Amino acid sequence: MLTLLVLANGTPVVAKKILGEHLAYPLDGGVEFVDGRPLLGRSKTIRGVVLAVLVTTAGAPPVGLEWTVGFLVGSLAMAGDLVSSFLKRRMALPPSSRASGLDQVPEALFPLLACRNPLSLTMADIAAGVGLFFIGEVLLSRVFYTLHLRDRPY
């Protein structure tokens, strides 16, 4: 499950480095919310969401899970990421800025909750998964930064 979460959340970062601005259309179309701030921001792209879902779907069978679980994880990890982005824009934080907890919890919690029944996860499993994802995401962001895949470490 953690492998799928890493795939879902790492794919947009890697795609941005490999593809640059190619096919990087903002998911929100540049629309502003009623507060005058971007709905999600320019760093949330259609390319990133689509690739994250596709890669996570394809990544499920090699780790022994059904592709449908991969699709669910990829979709809900991206939904969590978009919720985080929406909330960060409401708090006037710039795109790609750090908001510990807000950057990690929804991205892990949404898919873990959705996989509770299909994977027979307990609430302790879900809490452990969110905690491990939080720690792993912070550590991996430094690795991604060192490899020049991320613009700044978290």
C-alpha atoms as a PDB file:
ATOM      1  CA  MET A   1       0.000   0.000   0.000  1.00  0.00           C
ATOM      2  CA  LEU A   2       2.814   2.420   0.855  1.00  0.00           C
ATOM      3  CA  THR A   3       4.447   1.640  -2.490  1.00  0.00           C
ATOM      4  CA  LEU A   4       1.263   2.701  -4.262  1.00  0.00           C
ATOM      5  CA  LEU A   5       1.055   5.901  -2.222  1.00  0.00           C
ATOM      6  CA  VAL A   6       4.644   6.741  -3.164  1.00  0.00           C
ATOM      7  CA  LEU A   7       3.902   6.033  -6.833  1.00  0.00           C
ATOM      8  CA  ALA A   8       0.804   8.221  -6.769  1.00  0.00           C
ATOM      9  CA  ASN A   9       2.523  11.137  -5.095  1.00  0.00           C
ATOM     10  CA  GLY A  10       5.906  10.830  -6.774  1.00  0.00           C
ATOM     11  CA  THR A  11       4.717  10.451 -10.364  1.00  0.00           C
ATOM     12  CA  PRO A  12       3.716  14.120 -10.875  1.00  0.00           C
ATOM     13  CA  VAL A  13       7.097  15.272  -9.513  1.00  0.00           C
ATOM     14  CA  VAL A  14       9.032  12.955 -11.836  1.00  0.00           C
ATOM     15  CA  ALA A  15       6.753  13.826 -14.785  1.00  0.00           C
ATOM     16  CA  LYS A  16       7.418  17.527 -14.259  1.00  0.00           C
ATOM     17  CA  LYS A  17      11.166  16.961 -14.308  1.00  0.00           C
ATOM     18  CA  ILE A  18      11.081  14.742 -17.390  1.00  0.00           C
ATOM     19  CA  LEU A  19       8.434  16.614 -19.397  1.00  0.00           C
ATOM     20  CA  GLY A  20       8.938  20.160 -18.137  1.00  0.00           C
ATOM     21  CA  GLU A  21       5.965  22.269 -19.151  1.00  0.00           C
ATOM     22  CA  HIS A  22       4.932  19.895 -21.967  1.00  0.00           C
ATOM     23  CA  LEU A  23       1.250  18.997 -21.484  1.00  0.00           C
ATOM     24  CA  ALA A  24       1.236  20.759 -18.089  1.00  0.00           C
ATOM     25  CA  TYR A  25      -2.235  22.261 -18.291  1.00  0.00           C
ATOM     26  CA  PRO A  26      -3.516  23.577 -14.951  1.00  0.00           C
ATOM     27  CA  LEU A  27      -6.294  21.365 -13.651  1.00  0.00           C
ATOM     28  CA  ASP A  28      -8.264  24.393 -12.498  1.00  0.00           C
ATOM     29  CA  GLY A  29      -7.892  26.147 -15.860  1.00  0.00           C
ATOM     30  CA  GLY A  30      -6.579  29.233 -14.082  1.00  0.00           C
ATOM     31  CA  VAL A  31      -9.937  29.854 -12.389  1.00  0.00           C
ATOM     32  CA  GLU A  32      -9.952  31.920  -9.231  1.00  0.00           C
ATOM     33  CA  PHE A  33     -12.083  31.091  -6.204  1.00  0.00           C
ATOM     34  CA  VAL A  34     -14.446  33.672  -4.696  1.00  0.00           C
ATOM     35  CA  ASP A  35     -11.574  34.879  -2.477  1.00  0.00           C
ATOM     36  CA  GLY A  36      -9.639  35.999  -5.576  1.00  0.00           C
ATOM     37  CA  ARG A  37      -6.964  33.320  -5.158  1.00  0.00           C
ATOM     38  CA  PRO A  38      -6.382  30.433  -7.581  1.00  0.00           C
ATOM     39  CA  LEU A  39      -8.724  27.513  -7.053  1.00  0.00           C
ATOM     40  CA  LEU A  40      -5.812  25.012  -6.930  1.00  0.00           C
ATOM     41  CA  GLY A  41      -2.816  26.745  -8.488  1.00  0.00           C
ATOM     42  CA  ARG A  42      -0.693  26.232 -11.576  1.00  0.00           C
ATOM     43  CA  SER A  43       1.314  23.328 -10.128  1.00  0.00           C
ATOM     44  CA  LYS A  44      -1.728  21.012 -10.114  1.00  0.00           C
ATOM     45  CA  THR A  45      -1.918  19.765 -13.688  1.00  0.00           C
ATOM     46  CA  ILE A  46      -4.109  17.444 -15.687  1.00  0.00           C
ATOM     47  CA  ARG A  47      -0.907  15.624 -16.718  1.00  0.00           C
ATOM     48  CA  GLY A  48       0.130  15.044 -13.115  1.00  0.00           C
ATOM     49  CA  VAL A  49      -3.229  13.678 -12.006  1.00  0.00           C
ATOM     50  CA  VAL A  50      -3.721  11.443 -15.053  1.00  0.00           C
ATOM     51  CA  LEU A  51      -0.187  10.030 -14.908  1.00  0.00           C
ATOM     52  CA  ALA A  52      -0.398   9.457 -11.152  1.00  0.00           C
ATOM     53  CA  VAL A  53      -3.584   7.432 -11.544  1.00  0.00           C
ATOM     54  CA  LEU A  54      -2.224   5.459 -14.531  1.00  0.00           C
ATOM     55  CA  VAL A  55       1.128   4.673 -12.915  1.00  0.00           C
ATOM     56  CA  THR A  56      -0.468   3.671  -9.627  1.00  0.00           C
ATOM     57  CA  THR A  57      -2.998   1.475 -11.427  1.00  0.00           C
ATOM     58  CA  ALA A  58      -0.178  -0.220 -13.351  1.00  0.00           C
ATOM     59  CA  GLY A  59       1.929  -0.492 -10.195  1.00  0.00           C
ATOM     60  CA  ALA A  60      -0.626  -2.468  -8.186  1.00  0.00           C
ATOM     61  CA  PRO A  61      -0.287  -5.923  -9.841  1.00  0.00           C
ATOM     62  CA  PRO A  62       3.529  -6.090  -9.442  1.00  0.00           C
ATOM     63  CA  VAL A  63       3.102  -5.596  -5.663  1.00  0.00           C
ATOM     64  CA  GLY A  64       0.362  -8.240  -5.474  1.00  0.00           C
ATOM     65  CA  LEU A  65      -2.720  -6.029  -5.519  1.00  0.00           C
ATOM     66  CA  GLU A  66      -5.577  -5.797  -8.000  1.00  0.00           C
ATOM     67  CA  TRP A  67      -5.360  -3.005 -10.575  1.00  0.00           C
ATOM     68  CA  THR A  68      -8.650  -1.679  -9.184  1.00  0.00           C
ATOM     69  CA  VAL A  69      -6.937  -1.079  -5.837  1.00  0.00           C
ATOM     70  CA  GLY A  70      -4.198   0.808  -7.670  1.00  0.00           C
ATOM     71  CA  PHE A  71      -6.794   2.911  -9.457  1.00  0.00           C
ATOM     72  CA  LEU A  72      -8.549   3.650  -6.165  1.00  0.00           C
ATOM     73  CA  VAL A  73      -5.296   4.572  -4.420  1.00  0.00           C
ATOM     74  CA  GLY A  74      -4.097   6.770  -7.292  1.00  0.00           C
ATOM     75  CA  SER A  75      -7.428   8.543  -7.653  1.00  0.00           C
ATOM     76  CA  LEU A  76      -7.921   9.205  -3.959  1.00  0.00           C
ATOM     77  CA  ALA A  77      -4.298  10.174  -3.327  1.00  0.00           C
ATOM     78  CA  MET A  78      -4.716  12.803  -6.036  1.00  0.00           C
ATOM     79  CA  ALA A  79      -8.059  13.867  -4.545  1.00  0.00           C
ATOM     80  CA  GLY A  80      -6.305  14.312  -1.195  1.00  0.00           C
ATOM     81  CA  ASP A  81      -3.553  16.292  -2.872  1.00  0.00           C
ATOM     82  CA  LEU A  82      -6.117  18.556  -4.529  1.00  0.00           C
ATOM     83  CA  VAL A  83      -7.939  19.123  -1.234  1.00  0.00           C
ATOM     84  CA  SER A  84      -4.601  20.063   0.344  1.00  0.00           C
ATOM     85  CA  SER A  85      -3.835  22.425  -2.511  1.00  0.00           C
ATOM     86  CA  PHE A  86      -7.265  24.032  -2.292  1.00  0.00           C
ATOM     87  CA  LEU A  87      -6.853  24.601   1.457  1.00  0.00           C
ATOM     88  CA  LYS A  88      -3.304  25.953   1.040  1.00  0.00           C
ATOM     89  CA  ARG A  89      -4.566  28.498  -1.507  1.00  0.00           C
ATOM     90  CA  ARG A  90      -7.250  29.584   0.976  1.00  0.00           C
ATOM     91  CA  MET A  91      -4.458  30.104   3.540  1.00  0.00           C
ATOM     92  CA  ALA A  92      -2.601  32.234   0.941  1.00  0.00           C
ATOM     93  CA  LEU A  93       0.322  29.782   0.757  1.00  0.00           C
ATOM     94  CA  PRO A  94       2.118  29.771  -2.599  1.00  0.00           C
ATOM     95  CA  PRO A  95       2.116  26.680  -4.857  1.00  0.00           C
ATOM     96  CA  SER A  96       4.613  23.999  -3.782  1.00  0.00           C
ATOM     97  CA  SER A  97       4.978  25.597  -0.344  1.00  0.00           C
ATOM     98  CA  ARG A  98       5.310  23.408   2.710  1.00  0.00           C
ATOM     99  CA  ALA A  99       2.426  22.777   5.091  1.00  0.00           C
ATOM    100  CA  SER A 100       3.418  19.829   7.275  1.00  0.00           C
ATOM    101  CA  GLY A 101       0.562  17.441   7.829  1.00  0.00           C
ATOM    102  CA  LEU A 102      -1.695  19.123   5.308  1.00  0.00           C
ATOM    103  CA  ASP A 103       0.706  18.031   2.553  1.00  0.00           C
ATOM    104  CA  GLN A 104       0.739  14.402   3.650  1.00  0.00           C
ATOM    105  CA  VAL A 105      -2.331  13.387   5.649  1.00  0.00           C
ATOM    106  CA  PRO A 106      -5.155  13.706   3.063  1.00  0.00           C
ATOM    107  CA  GLU A 107      -2.984  12.118   0.342  1.00  0.00           C
ATOM    108  CA  ALA A 108      -2.547   9.011   2.495  1.00  0.00           C
ATOM    109  CA  LEU A 109      -5.734   9.036   4.558  1.00  0.00           C
ATOM    110  CA  PHE A 110      -8.263   9.158   1.696  1.00  0.00           C
ATOM    111  CA  PRO A 111      -6.894   6.084  -0.140  1.00  0.00           C
ATOM    112  CA  LEU A 112      -6.233   4.149   3.063  1.00  0.00           C
ATOM    113  CA  LEU A 113      -9.807   4.701   4.247  1.00  0.00           C
ATOM    114  CA  ALA A 114     -11.157   3.670   0.835  1.00  0.00           C
ATOM    115  CA  CYS A 115      -9.082   0.480   0.933  1.00  0.00           C
ATOM    116  CA  ARG A 116     -10.184  -0.416   4.449  1.00  0.00           C
ATOM    117  CA  ASN A 117     -12.630  -3.112   3.350  1.00  0.00           C
ATOM    118  CA  PRO A 118     -10.918  -4.416   0.172  1.00  0.00           C
ATOM    119  CA  LEU A 119      -7.614  -4.867   2.031  1.00  0.00           C
ATOM    120  CA  SER A 120      -9.070  -5.627   5.486  1.00  0.00           C
ATOM    121  CA  LEU A 121      -7.266  -2.681   7.047  1.00  0.00           C
ATOM    122  CA  THR A 122      -7.861  -1.852  10.697  1.00  0.00           C
ATOM    123  CA  MET A 123      -7.939   1.687  12.026  1.00  0.00           C
ATOM    124  CA  ALA A 124      -4.494   0.958  13.519  1.00  0.00           C
ATOM    125  CA  ASP A 125      -3.252  -0.054  10.043  1.00  0.00           C
ATOM    126  CA  ILE A 126      -4.625   3.189   8.605  1.00  0.00           C
ATOM    127  CA  ALA A 127      -3.065   5.315  11.353  1.00  0.00           C
ATOM    128  CA  ALA A 128       0.274   3.520  10.907  1.00  0.00           C
ATOM    129  CA  GLY A 129       0.053   3.946   7.133  1.00  0.00           C
ATOM    130  CA  VAL A 130      -0.575   7.691   7.432  1.00  0.00           C
ATOM    131  CA  GLY A 131       2.296   8.025   9.916  1.00  0.00           C
ATOM    132  CA  LEU A 132       4.719   6.021   7.780  1.00  0.00           C
ATOM    133  CA  PHE A 133       3.706   7.945   4.670  1.00  0.00           C
ATOM    134  CA  PHE A 134       4.242  11.243   6.494  1.00  0.00           C
ATOM    135  CA  ILE A 135       7.766  10.258   7.573  1.00  0.00           C
ATOM    136  CA  GLY A 136       8.609   8.645   4.227  1.00  0.00           C
ATOM    137  CA  GLU A 137       7.339  11.597   2.203  1.00  0.00           C
ATOM    138  CA  VAL A 138       9.473  14.028   4.185  1.00  0.00           C
ATOM    139  CA  LEU A 139      12.553  11.816   3.747  1.00  0.00           C
ATOM    140  CA  LEU A 140      11.884  11.081   0.063  1.00  0.00           C
ATOM    141  CA  SER A 141      11.400  14.757  -0.709  1.00  0.00           C
ATOM    142  CA  ARG A 142      15.010  15.307   0.383  1.00  0.00           C
ATOM    143  CA  VAL A 143      16.143  12.452  -1.881  1.00  0.00           C
ATOM    144  CA  PHE A 144      14.107  13.918  -4.759  1.00  0.00           C
ATOM    145  CA  TYR A 145      15.703  17.302  -4.081  1.00  0.00           C
ATOM    146  CA  THR A 146      19.203  15.777  -4.074  1.00  0.00           C
ATOM    147  CA  LEU A 147      18.432  14.033  -7.385  1.00  0.00           C
ATOM    148  CA  HIS A 148      17.168  17.365  -8.768  1.00  0.00           C
ATOM    149  CA  LEU A 149      13.670  15.977  -9.207  1.00  0.00           C
ATOM    150  CA  ARG A 150      12.180  18.437  -6.722  1.00  0.00           C
ATOM    151  CA  ASP A 151      12.787  22.184  -6.699  1.00  0.00           C
ATOM    152  CA  ARG A 152      13.114  22.390  -2.903  1.00  0.00           C
ATOM    153  CA  PRO A 153      13.280  19.910  -0.027  1.00  0.00           C
ATOM    154  CA  TYR A 154      10.565  19.657   2.607  1.00  0.00           C
END
